[in-house]
Amino acid sequence: MNTDWMKVFIAAFFEVFWVIGLKHADGFWTWTGTIISILISFYVLIMAGRKLPVGTVYAVFVGLGTAGTVMSEILFFGEPFKLSKILLILILLVGVIGLKLVTKEHAQERNDS
C-alpha cells in the first residue's frame, strides 16, 4: 500500500475519534482532543487528496470512518450488537475496498499511457 492510501486510513482513524468526541465530549480536555482529531483528520485527508482521486478518497474516508465509529460504539459505549448492522458494515467495507482496488488499477492505466 502506498503512503497516500495510508494517509486516507490515518485520516479515517482520527475521524472515529472526532465523531465520538462530538457525541461524548463534556469538558475542556475532551473538546481539545476532539478539535485536534478534526484538524489531523482533515489535514491528512487533504494531503492524500492531492495525489489520489478526491471522490474515491472521500468515499473511502467516510466508509472507514463510519465502520470504525459504529464498531467503537458497540465495543466501548454499550451500543447494542445487531447482526444486521455488522453485515451492512461488512458490505460497506467491501465497497470501500473495491473502490480502492479499482482506483489503483485506474491510476496505473493513466501512468502507462
PDB file of N, CA and C in Angstrom:
ATOM      1  N   MET A   1       0.844  -1.176   0.000  1.00  0.00           N
ATOM      2  CA  MET A   1       0.000   0.000   0.000  1.00  0.00           C
ATOM      3  C   MET A   1       0.889   1.239   0.000  1.00  0.00           C
ATOM      4  N   ASN A   2       0.572   2.183  -0.874  1.00  0.00           N
ATOM      5  CA  ASN A   2       1.424   3.358  -0.920  1.00  0.00           C
ATOM      6  C   ASN A   2       1.073   4.346   0.193  1.00  0.00           C
ATOM      7  N   THR A   3       1.926   5.322   0.376  1.00  0.00           N
ATOM      8  CA  THR A   3       1.769   6.254   1.502  1.00  0.00           C
ATOM      9  C   THR A   3       0.525   7.125   1.377  1.00  0.00           C
ATOM     10  N   ASP A   4       0.074   7.399   0.166  1.00  0.00           N
ATOM     11  CA  ASP A   4      -1.125   8.221   0.011  1.00  0.00           C
ATOM     12  C   ASP A   4      -2.365   7.502   0.530  1.00  0.00           C
ATOM     13  N   TRP A   5      -2.468   6.203   0.269  1.00  0.00           N
ATOM     14  CA  TRP A   5      -3.600   5.452   0.812  1.00  0.00           C
ATOM     15  C   TRP A   5      -3.455   5.291   2.319  1.00  0.00           C
ATOM     16  N   MET A   6      -2.236   5.197   2.801  1.00  0.00           N
ATOM     17  CA  MET A   6      -2.037   5.122   4.243  1.00  0.00           C
ATOM     18  C   MET A   6      -2.544   6.399   4.911  1.00  0.00           C
ATOM     19  N   LYS A   7      -2.373   7.539   4.245  1.00  0.00           N
ATOM     20  CA  LYS A   7      -2.885   8.805   4.773  1.00  0.00           C
ATOM     21  C   LYS A   7      -4.403   8.768   4.886  1.00  0.00           C
ATOM     22  N   VAL A   8      -5.071   8.153   3.933  1.00  0.00           N
ATOM     23  CA  VAL A   8      -6.531   8.043   3.996  1.00  0.00           C
ATOM     24  C   VAL A   8      -6.939   7.221   5.214  1.00  0.00           C
ATOM     25  N   PHE A   9      -6.231   6.118   5.460  1.00  0.00           N
ATOM     26  CA  PHE A   9      -6.552   5.282   6.615  1.00  0.00           C
ATOM     27  C   PHE A   9      -6.272   6.013   7.928  1.00  0.00           C
ATOM     28  N   ILE A  10      -5.203   6.774   7.983  1.00  0.00           N
ATOM     29  CA  ILE A  10      -4.894   7.564   9.186  1.00  0.00           C
ATOM     30  C   ILE A  10      -5.977   8.625   9.399  1.00  0.00           C
ATOM     31  N   ALA A  11      -6.394   9.279   8.322  1.00  0.00           N
ATOM     32  CA  ALA A  11      -7.453  10.293   8.424  1.00  0.00           C
ATOM     33  C   ALA A  11      -8.745   9.662   8.939  1.00  0.00           C
ATOM     34  N   ALA A  12      -9.085   8.478   8.454  1.00  0.00           N
ATOM     35  CA  ALA A  12     -10.301   7.785   8.903  1.00  0.00           C
ATOM     36  C   ALA A  12     -10.182   7.376  10.367  1.00  0.00           C
ATOM     37  N   PHE A  13      -8.985   6.975  10.779  1.00  0.00           N
ATOM     38  CA  PHE A  13      -8.739   6.616  12.176  1.00  0.00           C
ATOM     39  C   PHE A  13      -9.040   7.803  13.087  1.00  0.00           C
ATOM     40  N   PHE A  14      -8.541   8.974  12.719  1.00  0.00           N
ATOM     41  CA  PHE A  14      -8.795  10.165  13.526  1.00  0.00           C
ATOM     42  C   PHE A  14     -10.239  10.635  13.398  1.00  0.00           C
ATOM     43  N   GLU A  15     -10.888  10.318  12.271  1.00  0.00           N
ATOM     44  CA  GLU A  15     -12.306  10.650  12.132  1.00  0.00           C
ATOM     45  C   GLU A  15     -13.129   9.950  13.200  1.00  0.00           C
ATOM     46  N   VAL A  16     -12.809   8.704  13.475  1.00  0.00           N
ATOM     47  CA  VAL A  16     -13.528   7.962  14.510  1.00  0.00           C
ATOM     48  C   VAL A  16     -13.428   8.707  15.838  1.00  0.00           C
ATOM     49  N   PHE A  17     -12.250   9.201  16.179  1.00  0.00           N
ATOM     50  CA  PHE A  17     -12.077   9.914  17.442  1.00  0.00           C
ATOM     51  C   PHE A  17     -12.895  11.202  17.495  1.00  0.00           C
ATOM     52  N   TRP A  18     -12.886  11.972  16.400  1.00  0.00           N
ATOM     53  CA  TRP A  18     -13.612  13.233  16.493  1.00  0.00           C
ATOM     54  C   TRP A  18     -15.111  13.040  16.435  1.00  0.00           C
ATOM     55  N   VAL A  19     -15.592  12.030  15.735  1.00  0.00           N
ATOM     56  CA  VAL A  19     -17.032  11.777  15.720  1.00  0.00           C
ATOM     57  C   VAL A  19     -17.489  11.333  17.107  1.00  0.00           C
ATOM     58  N   ILE A  20     -16.741  10.452  17.736  1.00  0.00           N
ATOM     59  CA  ILE A  20     -17.080  10.036  19.101  1.00  0.00           C
ATOM     60  C   ILE A  20     -16.975  11.239  20.043  1.00  0.00           C
ATOM     61  N   GLY A  21     -15.949  12.075  19.830  1.00  0.00           N
ATOM     62  CA  GLY A  21     -15.789  13.270  20.660  1.00  0.00           C
ATOM     63  C   GLY A  21     -16.960  14.223  20.543  1.00  0.00           C
ATOM     64  N   LEU A  22     -17.511  14.367  19.344  1.00  0.00           N
ATOM     65  CA  LEU A  22     -18.661  15.256  19.179  1.00  0.00           C
ATOM     66  C   LEU A  22     -19.851  14.793  20.020  1.00  0.00           C
ATOM     67  N   LYS A  23     -19.967  13.500  20.210  1.00  0.00           N
ATOM     68  CA  LYS A  23     -21.080  12.966  20.997  1.00  0.00           C
ATOM     69  C   LYS A  23     -20.778  12.949  22.492  1.00  0.00           C
ATOM     70  N   HIS A  24     -19.539  12.620  22.865  1.00  0.00           N
ATOM     71  CA  HIS A  24     -19.246  12.341  24.270  1.00  0.00           C
ATOM     72  C   HIS A  24     -18.401  13.400  24.972  1.00  0.00           C
ATOM     73  N   ALA A  25     -17.879  14.387  24.270  1.00  0.00           N
ATOM     74  CA  ALA A  25     -17.032  15.394  24.924  1.00  0.00           C
ATOM     75  C   ALA A  25     -17.865  16.244  25.877  1.00  0.00           C
ATOM     76  N   ASP A  26     -17.295  16.475  27.062  1.00  0.00           N
ATOM     77  CA  ASP A  26     -18.039  17.240  28.053  1.00  0.00           C
ATOM     78  C   ASP A  26     -17.157  18.172  28.883  1.00  0.00           C
ATOM     79  N   GLY A  27     -15.913  18.284  28.520  1.00  0.00           N
ATOM     80  CA  GLY A  27     -15.012  19.161  29.268  1.00  0.00           C
ATOM     81  C   GLY A  27     -13.931  19.716  28.371  1.00  0.00           C
ATOM     82  N   PHE A  28     -13.079  20.532  28.944  1.00  0.00           N
ATOM     83  CA  PHE A  28     -12.030  21.200  28.175  1.00  0.00           C
ATOM     84  C   PHE A  28     -11.134  20.209  27.442  1.00  0.00           C
ATOM     85  N   TRP A  29     -10.639  19.192  28.146  1.00  0.00           N
ATOM     86  CA  TRP A  29      -9.670  18.270  27.542  1.00  0.00           C
ATOM     87  C   TRP A  29     -10.312  17.374  26.487  1.00  0.00           C
ATOM     88  N   THR A  30     -11.548  16.950  26.714  1.00  0.00           N
ATOM     89  CA  THR A  30     -12.188  16.107  25.703  1.00  0.00           C
ATOM     90  C   THR A  30     -12.523  16.922  24.449  1.00  0.00           C
ATOM     91  N   TRP A  31     -12.925  18.191  24.631  1.00  0.00           N
ATOM     92  CA  TRP A  31     -13.163  19.037  23.462  1.00  0.00           C
ATOM     93  C   TRP A  31     -11.860  19.386  22.757  1.00  0.00           C
ATOM     94  N   THR A  32     -10.791  19.566  23.515  1.00  0.00           N
ATOM     95  CA  THR A  32      -9.490  19.835  22.909  1.00  0.00           C
ATOM     96  C   THR A  32      -9.046  18.639  22.060  1.00  0.00           C
ATOM     97  N   GLY A  33      -9.204  17.437  22.597  1.00  0.00           N
ATOM     98  CA  GLY A  33      -8.869  16.227  21.838  1.00  0.00           C
ATOM     99  C   GLY A  33      -9.715  16.077  20.588  1.00  0.00           C
ATOM    100  N   THR A  34     -10.977  16.430  20.693  1.00  0.00           N
ATOM    101  CA  THR A  34     -11.874  16.362  19.539  1.00  0.00           C
ATOM    102  C   THR A  34     -11.425  17.326  18.444  1.00  0.00           C
ATOM    103  N   ILE A  35     -11.097  18.544  18.826  1.00  0.00           N
ATOM    104  CA  ILE A  35     -10.660  19.551  17.851  1.00  0.00           C
ATOM    105  C   ILE A  35      -9.336  19.152  17.213  1.00  0.00           C
ATOM    106  N   ILE A  36      -8.411  18.636  18.010  1.00  0.00           N
ATOM    107  CA  ILE A  36      -7.130  18.175  17.460  1.00  0.00           C
ATOM    108  C   ILE A  36      -7.351  17.026  16.477  1.00  0.00           C
ATOM    109  N   SER A  37      -8.261  16.117  16.814  1.00  0.00           N
ATOM    110  CA  SER A  37      -8.569  14.997  15.910  1.00  0.00           C
ATOM    111  C   SER A  37      -9.169  15.489  14.598  1.00  0.00           C
ATOM    112  N   ILE A  38     -10.031  16.505  14.668  1.00  0.00           N
ATOM    113  CA  ILE A  38     -10.601  17.078  13.449  1.00  0.00           C
ATOM    114  C   ILE A  38      -9.493  17.660  12.574  1.00  0.00           C
ATOM    115  N   LEU A  39      -8.616  18.431  13.188  1.00  0.00           N
ATOM    116  CA  LEU A  39      -7.534  19.071  12.430  1.00  0.00           C
ATOM    117  C   LEU A  39      -6.610  18.042  11.779  1.00  0.00           C
ATOM    118  N   ILE A  40      -6.211  17.033  12.542  1.00  0.00           N
ATOM    119  CA  ILE A  40      -5.326  15.992  11.994  1.00  0.00           C
ATOM    120  C   ILE A  40      -6.040  15.241  10.877  1.00  0.00           C
ATOM    121  N   SER A  41      -7.287  14.856  11.122  1.00  0.00           N
ATOM    122  CA  SER A  41      -8.038  14.071  10.153  1.00  0.00           C
ATOM    123  C   SER A  41      -8.153  14.798   8.817  1.00  0.00           C
ATOM    124  N   PHE A  42      -8.572  16.058   8.855  1.00  0.00           N
ATOM    125  CA  PHE A  42      -8.765  16.773   7.595  1.00  0.00           C
ATOM    126  C   PHE A  42      -7.447  17.176   6.945  1.00  0.00           C
ATOM    127  N   TYR A  43      -6.440  17.473   7.730  1.00  0.00           N
ATOM    128  CA  TYR A  43      -5.137  17.798   7.150  1.00  0.00           C
ATOM    129  C   TYR A  43      -4.586  16.595   6.368  1.00  0.00           C
ATOM    130  N   VAL A  44      -4.615  15.428   6.986  1.00  0.00           N
ATOM    131  CA  VAL A  44      -4.095  14.225   6.333  1.00  0.00           C
ATOM    132  C   VAL A  44      -4.967  13.853   5.127  1.00  0.00           C
ATOM    133  N   LEU A  45      -6.282  14.044   5.249  1.00  0.00           N
ATOM    134  CA  LEU A  45      -7.182  13.767   4.127  1.00  0.00           C
ATOM    135  C   LEU A  45      -6.875  14.683   2.942  1.00  0.00           C
ATOM    136  N   ILE A  46      -6.647  15.950   3.207  1.00  0.00           N
ATOM    137  CA  ILE A  46      -6.303  16.896   2.139  1.00  0.00           C
ATOM    138  C   ILE A  46      -4.979  16.509   1.478  1.00  0.00           C
ATOM    139  N   MET A  47      -4.004  16.097   2.266  1.00  0.00           N
ATOM    140  CA  MET A  47      -2.714  15.666   1.712  1.00  0.00           C
ATOM    141  C   MET A  47      -2.900  14.461   0.789  1.00  0.00           C
ATOM    142  N   ALA A  48      -3.739  13.512   1.184  1.00  0.00           N
ATOM    143  CA  ALA A  48      -3.984  12.337   0.341  1.00  0.00           C
ATOM    144  C   ALA A  48      -4.726  12.730  -0.929  1.00  0.00           C
ATOM    145  N   GLY A  49      -5.662  13.675  -0.806  1.00  0.00           N
ATOM    146  CA  GLY A  49      -6.447  14.108  -1.957  1.00  0.00           C
ATOM    147  C   GLY A  49      -5.654  14.849  -3.011  1.00  0.00           C
ATOM    148  N   ARG A  50      -4.470  15.290  -2.658  1.00  0.00           N
ATOM    149  CA  ARG A  50      -3.626  15.975  -3.647  1.00  0.00           C
ATOM    150  C   ARG A  50      -3.072  15.019  -4.697  1.00  0.00           C
ATOM    151  N   LYS A  51      -2.929  13.745  -4.336  1.00  0.00           N
ATOM    152  CA  LYS A  51      -2.343  12.780  -5.270  1.00  0.00           C
ATOM    153  C   LYS A  51      -3.308  11.703  -5.723  1.00  0.00           C
ATOM    154  N   LEU A  52      -4.397  11.506  -4.996  1.00  0.00           N
ATOM    155  CA  LEU A  52      -5.374  10.472  -5.335  1.00  0.00           C
ATOM    156  C   LEU A  52      -6.677  11.144  -5.773  1.00  0.00           C
ATOM    157  N   PRO A  53      -7.536  10.426  -6.499  1.00  0.00           N
ATOM    158  CA  PRO A  53      -8.826  10.995  -6.904  1.00  0.00           C
ATOM    159  C   PRO A  53      -9.668  11.365  -5.679  1.00  0.00           C
ATOM    160  N   VAL A  54     -10.098  12.604  -5.614  1.00  0.00           N
ATOM    161  CA  VAL A  54     -10.763  13.131  -4.422  1.00  0.00           C
ATOM    162  C   VAL A  54     -12.060  12.387  -4.115  1.00  0.00           C
ATOM    163  N   GLY A  55     -12.838  12.063  -5.120  1.00  0.00           N
ATOM    164  CA  GLY A  55     -14.096  11.354  -4.885  1.00  0.00           C
ATOM    165  C   GLY A  55     -13.886  10.004  -4.227  1.00  0.00           C
ATOM    166  N   THR A  56     -12.915   9.271  -4.718  1.00  0.00           N
ATOM    167  CA  THR A  56     -12.616   7.962  -4.139  1.00  0.00           C
ATOM    168  C   THR A  56     -12.034   8.108  -2.747  1.00  0.00           C
ATOM    169  N   VAL A  57     -11.143   9.071  -2.563  1.00  0.00           N
ATOM    170  CA  VAL A  57     -10.545   9.312  -1.240  1.00  0.00           C
ATOM    171  C   VAL A  57     -11.638   9.606  -0.222  1.00  0.00           C
ATOM    172  N   TYR A  58     -12.564  10.484  -0.598  1.00  0.00           N
ATOM    173  CA  TYR A  58     -13.617  10.854   0.344  1.00  0.00           C
ATOM    174  C   TYR A  58     -14.536   9.674   0.643  1.00  0.00           C
ATOM    175  N   ALA A  59     -14.881   8.879  -0.373  1.00  0.00           N
ATOM    176  CA  ALA A  59     -15.738   7.710  -0.158  1.00  0.00           C
ATOM    177  C   ALA A  59     -15.072   6.699   0.771  1.00  0.00           C
ATOM    178  N   VAL A  60     -13.792   6.451   0.566  1.00  0.00           N
ATOM    179  CA  VAL A  60     -13.060   5.520   1.428  1.00  0.00           C
ATOM    180  C   VAL A  60     -12.969   6.086   2.846  1.00  0.00           C
ATOM    181  N   PHE A  61     -12.661   7.363   2.975  1.00  0.00           N
ATOM    182  CA  PHE A  61     -12.571   8.035   4.268  1.00  0.00           C
ATOM    183  C   PHE A  61     -13.883   7.907   5.045  1.00  0.00           C
ATOM    184  N   VAL A  62     -14.986   8.235   4.407  1.00  0.00           N
ATOM    185  CA  VAL A  62     -16.286   8.193   5.081  1.00  0.00           C
ATOM    186  C   VAL A  62     -16.681   6.755   5.407  1.00  0.00           C
ATOM    187  N   GLY A  63     -16.441   5.836   4.482  1.00  0.00           N
ATOM    188  CA  GLY A  63     -16.793   4.439   4.723  1.00  0.00           C
ATOM    189  C   GLY A  63     -16.035   3.847   5.891  1.00  0.00           C
ATOM    190  N   LEU A  64     -14.719   4.058   5.916  1.00  0.00           N
ATOM    191  CA  LEU A  64     -13.917   3.536   7.027  1.00  0.00           C
ATOM    192  C   LEU A  64     -14.264   4.236   8.335  1.00  0.00           C
ATOM    193  N   GLY A  65     -14.492   5.526   8.267  1.00  0.00           N
ATOM    194  CA  GLY A  65     -14.867   6.266   9.472  1.00  0.00           C
ATOM    195  C   GLY A  65     -16.195   5.803  10.031  1.00  0.00           C
ATOM    196  N   THR A  66     -17.151   5.555   9.151  1.00  0.00           N
ATOM    197  CA  THR A  66     -18.458   5.064   9.590  1.00  0.00           C
ATOM    198  C   THR A  66     -18.335   3.693  10.237  1.00  0.00           C
ATOM    199  N   ALA A  67     -17.625   2.800   9.583  1.00  0.00           N
ATOM    200  CA  ALA A  67     -17.442   1.456  10.135  1.00  0.00           C
ATOM    201  C   ALA A  67     -16.717   1.521  11.482  1.00  0.00           C
ATOM    202  N   GLY A  68     -15.674   2.321  11.561  1.00  0.00           N
ATOM    203  CA  GLY A  68     -14.929   2.444  12.814  1.00  0.00           C
ATOM    204  C   GLY A  68     -15.749   3.049  13.925  1.00  0.00           C
ATOM    205  N   THR A  69     -16.568   4.030  13.610  1.00  0.00           N
ATOM    206  CA  THR A  69     -17.401   4.668  14.624  1.00  0.00           C
ATOM    207  C   THR A  69     -18.462   3.704  15.148  1.00  0.00           C
ATOM    208  N   VAL A  70     -19.115   2.983  14.262  1.00  0.00           N
ATOM    209  CA  VAL A  70     -20.133   2.023  14.691  1.00  0.00           C
ATOM    210  C   VAL A  70     -19.509   0.920  15.539  1.00  0.00           C
ATOM    211  N   MET A  71     -18.366   0.411  15.108  1.00  0.00           N
ATOM    212  CA  MET A  71     -17.706  -0.640  15.885  1.00  0.00           C
ATOM    213  C   MET A  71     -17.250  -0.121  17.255  1.00  0.00           C
ATOM    214  N   SER A  72     -16.763   1.105  17.308  1.00  0.00           N
ATOM    215  CA  SER A  72     -16.345   1.694  18.582  1.00  0.00           C
ATOM    216  C   SER A  72     -17.525   1.879  19.522  1.00  0.00           C
ATOM    217  N   GLU A  73     -18.648   2.313  18.980  1.00  0.00           N
ATOM    218  CA  GLU A  73     -19.846   2.481  19.798  1.00  0.00           C
ATOM    219  C   GLU A  73     -20.285   1.141  20.389  1.00  0.00           C
ATOM    220  N   ILE A  74     -20.195   0.077  19.605  1.00  0.00           N
ATOM    221  CA  ILE A  74     -20.573  -1.249  20.097  1.00  0.00           C
ATOM    222  C   ILE A  74     -19.578  -1.727  21.148  1.00  0.00           C
ATOM    223  N   LEU A  75     -18.288  -1.585  20.872  1.00  0.00           N
ATOM    224  CA  LEU A  75     -17.258  -2.130  21.762  1.00  0.00           C
ATOM    225  C   LEU A  75     -17.062  -1.318  23.044  1.00  0.00           C
ATOM    226  N   PHE A  76     -17.171   0.000  22.955  1.00  0.00           N
ATOM    227  CA  PHE A  76     -16.789   0.830  24.094  1.00  0.00           C
ATOM    228  C   PHE A  76     -17.928   1.592  24.765  1.00  0.00           C
ATOM    229  N   PHE A  77     -19.061   1.750  24.095  1.00  0.00           N
ATOM    230  CA  PHE A  77     -20.104   2.609  24.643  1.00  0.00           C
ATOM    231  C   PHE A  77     -21.455   1.921  24.807  1.00  0.00           C
ATOM    232  N   GLY A  78     -21.478   0.609  24.733  1.00  0.00           N
ATOM    233  CA  GLY A  78     -22.688  -0.134  25.051  1.00  0.00           C
ATOM    234  C   GLY A  78     -23.790  -0.104  24.008  1.00  0.00           C
ATOM    235  N   GLU A  79     -23.465   0.283  22.800  1.00  0.00           N
ATOM    236  CA  GLU A  79     -24.458   0.233  21.716  1.00  0.00           C
ATOM    237  C   GLU A  79     -24.818  -1.232  21.494  1.00  0.00           C
ATOM    238  N   PRO A  80     -26.098  -1.548  21.323  1.00  0.00           N
ATOM    239  CA  PRO A  80     -26.471  -2.956  21.154  1.00  0.00           C
ATOM    240  C   PRO A  80     -25.873  -3.575  19.887  1.00  0.00           C
ATOM    241  N   PHE A  81     -25.425  -4.799  20.013  1.00  0.00           N
ATOM    242  CA  PHE A  81     -24.869  -5.552  18.892  1.00  0.00           C
ATOM    243  C   PHE A  81     -26.026  -6.125  18.089  1.00  0.00           C
ATOM    244  N   LYS A  82     -26.050  -5.816  16.815  1.00  0.00           N
ATOM    245  CA  LYS A  82     -27.072  -6.378  15.919  1.00  0.00           C
ATOM    246  C   LYS A  82     -26.357  -6.968  14.713  1.00  0.00           C
ATOM    247  N   LEU A  83     -26.695  -8.199  14.420  1.00  0.00           N
ATOM    248  CA  LEU A  83     -26.066  -8.887  13.296  1.00  0.00           C
ATOM    249  C   LEU A  83     -26.315  -8.136  11.990  1.00  0.00           C
ATOM    250  N   SER A  84     -27.501  -7.600  11.820  1.00  0.00           N
ATOM    251  CA  SER A  84     -27.816  -6.873  10.588  1.00  0.00           C
ATOM    252  C   SER A  84     -26.901  -5.651  10.429  1.00  0.00           C
ATOM    253  N   LYS A  85     -26.603  -4.972  11.527  1.00  0.00           N
ATOM    254  CA  LYS A  85     -25.723  -3.810  11.478  1.00  0.00           C
ATOM    255  C   LYS A  85     -24.310  -4.221  11.066  1.00  0.00           C
ATOM    256  N   ILE A  86     -23.823  -5.319  11.607  1.00  0.00           N
ATOM    257  CA  ILE A  86     -22.480  -5.811  11.266  1.00  0.00           C
ATOM    258  C   ILE A  86     -22.424  -6.237   9.802  1.00  0.00           C
ATOM    259  N   LEU A  87     -23.451  -6.913   9.323  1.00  0.00           N
ATOM    260  CA  LEU A  87     -23.473  -7.333   7.921  1.00  0.00           C
ATOM    261  C   LEU A  87     -23.473  -6.124   6.981  1.00  0.00           C
ATOM    262  N   LEU A  88     -24.230  -5.093   7.327  1.00  0.00           N
ATOM    263  CA  LEU A  88     -24.245  -3.898   6.494  1.00  0.00           C
ATOM    264  C   LEU A  88     -22.901  -3.179   6.506  1.00  0.00           C
ATOM    265  N   ILE A  89     -22.230  -3.175   7.644  1.00  0.00           N
ATOM    266  CA  ILE A  89     -20.893  -2.583   7.706  1.00  0.00           C
ATOM    267  C   ILE A  89     -19.920  -3.387   6.851  1.00  0.00           C
ATOM    268  N   LEU A  90     -20.030  -4.701   6.883  1.00  0.00           N
ATOM    269  CA  LEU A  90     -19.176  -5.534   6.039  1.00  0.00           C
ATOM    270  C   LEU A  90     -19.414  -5.252   4.556  1.00  0.00           C
ATOM    271  N   ILE A  91     -20.667  -5.062   4.171  1.00  0.00           N
ATOM    272  CA  ILE A  91     -20.968  -4.709   2.781  1.00  0.00           C
ATOM    273  C   ILE A  91     -20.348  -3.358   2.441  1.00  0.00           C
ATOM    274  N   LEU A  92     -20.448  -2.411   3.363  1.00  0.00           N
ATOM    275  CA  LEU A  92     -19.831  -1.096   3.161  1.00  0.00           C
ATOM    276  C   LEU A  92     -18.318  -1.222   2.969  1.00  0.00           C
ATOM    277  N   LEU A  93     -17.680  -2.026   3.800  1.00  0.00           N
ATOM    278  CA  LEU A  93     -16.231  -2.202   3.691  1.00  0.00           C
ATOM    279  C   LEU A  93     -15.840  -2.893   2.394  1.00  0.00           C
ATOM    280  N   VAL A  94     -16.644  -3.829   1.932  1.00  0.00           N
ATOM    281  CA  VAL A  94     -16.374  -4.469   0.639  1.00  0.00           C
ATOM    282  C   VAL A  94     -16.415  -3.426  -0.474  1.00  0.00           C
ATOM    283  N   GLY A  95     -17.393  -2.519  -0.406  1.00  0.00           N
ATOM    284  CA  GLY A  95     -17.465  -1.446  -1.391  1.00  0.00           C
ATOM    285  C   GLY A  95     -16.271  -0.511  -1.327  1.00  0.00           C
ATOM    286  N   VAL A  96     -15.827  -0.192  -0.124  1.00  0.00           N
ATOM    287  CA  VAL A  96     -14.665   0.684   0.059  1.00  0.00           C
ATOM    288  C   VAL A  96     -13.411   0.027  -0.504  1.00  0.00           C
ATOM    289  N   ILE A  97     -13.223  -1.241  -0.195  1.00  0.00           N
ATOM    290  CA  ILE A  97     -12.059  -1.966  -0.711  1.00  0.00           C
ATOM    291  C   ILE A  97     -12.131  -2.047  -2.236  1.00  0.00           C
ATOM    292  N   GLY A  98     -13.329  -2.285  -2.758  1.00  0.00           N
ATOM    293  CA  GLY A  98     -13.495  -2.322  -4.211  1.00  0.00           C
ATOM    294  C   GLY A  98     -13.138  -0.995  -4.864  1.00  0.00           C
ATOM    295  N   LEU A  99     -13.565   0.119  -4.267  1.00  0.00           N
ATOM    296  CA  LEU A  99     -13.201   1.432  -4.795  1.00  0.00           C
ATOM    297  C   LEU A  99     -11.699   1.627  -4.803  1.00  0.00           C
ATOM    298  N   LYS A 100     -11.051   1.226  -3.724  1.00  0.00           N
ATOM    299  CA  LYS A 100      -9.600   1.388  -3.641  1.00  0.00           C
ATOM    300  C   LYS A 100      -8.915   0.563  -4.724  1.00  0.00           C
ATOM    301  N   LEU A 101      -9.359  -0.669  -4.900  1.00  0.00           N
ATOM    302  CA  LEU A 101      -8.730  -1.532  -5.903  1.00  0.00           C
ATOM    303  C   LEU A 101      -8.953  -1.004  -7.317  1.00  0.00           C
ATOM    304  N   VAL A 102     -10.140  -0.558  -7.615  1.00  0.00           N
ATOM    305  CA  VAL A 102     -10.436  -0.030  -8.948  1.00  0.00           C
ATOM    306  C   VAL A 102      -9.637   1.243  -9.188  1.00  0.00           C
ATOM    307  N   THR A 103      -9.520   2.085  -8.189  1.00  0.00           N
ATOM    308  CA  THR A 103      -8.780   3.331  -8.331  1.00  0.00           C
ATOM    309  C   THR A 103      -7.302   3.046  -8.571  1.00  0.00           C
ATOM    310  N   LYS A 104      -6.757   2.073  -7.890  1.00  0.00           N
ATOM    311  CA  LYS A 104      -5.354   1.722  -8.081  1.00  0.00           C
ATOM    312  C   LYS A 104      -5.116   1.274  -9.523  1.00  0.00           C
ATOM    313  N   GLU A 105      -6.013   0.428 -10.037  1.00  0.00           N
ATOM    314  CA  GLU A 105      -5.868  -0.037 -11.417  1.00  0.00           C
ATOM    315  C   GLU A 105      -6.021   1.130 -12.389  1.00  0.00           C
ATOM    316  N   HIS A 106      -6.960   2.022 -12.120  1.00  0.00           N
ATOM    317  CA  HIS A 106      -7.177   3.166 -12.997  1.00  0.00           C
ATOM    318  C   HIS A 106      -5.968   4.089 -12.991  1.00  0.00           C
ATOM    319  N   ALA A 107      -5.397   4.326 -11.841  1.00  0.00           N
ATOM    320  CA  ALA A 107      -4.207   5.178 -11.755  1.00  0.00           C
ATOM    321  C   ALA A 107      -3.042   4.538 -12.499  1.00  0.00           C
ATOM    322  N   GLN A 108      -2.917   3.229 -12.424  1.00  0.00           N
ATOM    323  CA  GLN A 108      -1.861   2.522 -13.135  1.00  0.00           C
ATOM    324  C   GLN A 108      -2.047   2.658 -14.639  1.00  0.00           C
ATOM    325  N   GLU A 109      -3.321   2.580 -15.102  1.00  0.00           N
ATOM    326  CA  GLU A 109      -3.590   2.727 -16.527  1.00  0.00           C
ATOM    327  C   GLU A 109      -3.193   4.111 -17.002  1.00  0.00           C
ATOM    328  N   ARG A 110      -3.454   5.155 -16.213  1.00  0.00           N
ATOM    329  CA  ARG A 110      -3.086   6.518 -16.612  1.00  0.00           C
ATOM    330  C   ARG A 110      -1.580   6.669 -16.727  1.00  0.00           C
ATOM    331  N   ASN A 111      -0.837   6.017 -15.841  1.00  0.00           N
ATOM    332  CA  ASN A 111       0.621   6.116 -15.881  1.00  0.00           C
ATOM    333  C   ASN A 111       1.205   5.371 -17.073  1.00  0.00           C
ATOM    334  N   ASP A 112       0.520   4.320 -17.533  1.00  0.00           N
ATOM    335  CA  ASP A 112       1.029   3.537 -18.651  1.00  0.00           C
ATOM    336  C   ASP A 112       0.825   4.241 -19.996  1.00  0.00           C
ATOM    337  N   SER A 113      -0.161   5.127 -20.088  1.00  0.00           N
ATOM    338  CA  SER A 113      -0.449   5.753 -21.389  1.00  0.00           C
ATOM    339  C   SER A 113       0.363   6.987 -21.646  1.00  0.00           C
TER     340      SER A 113
END
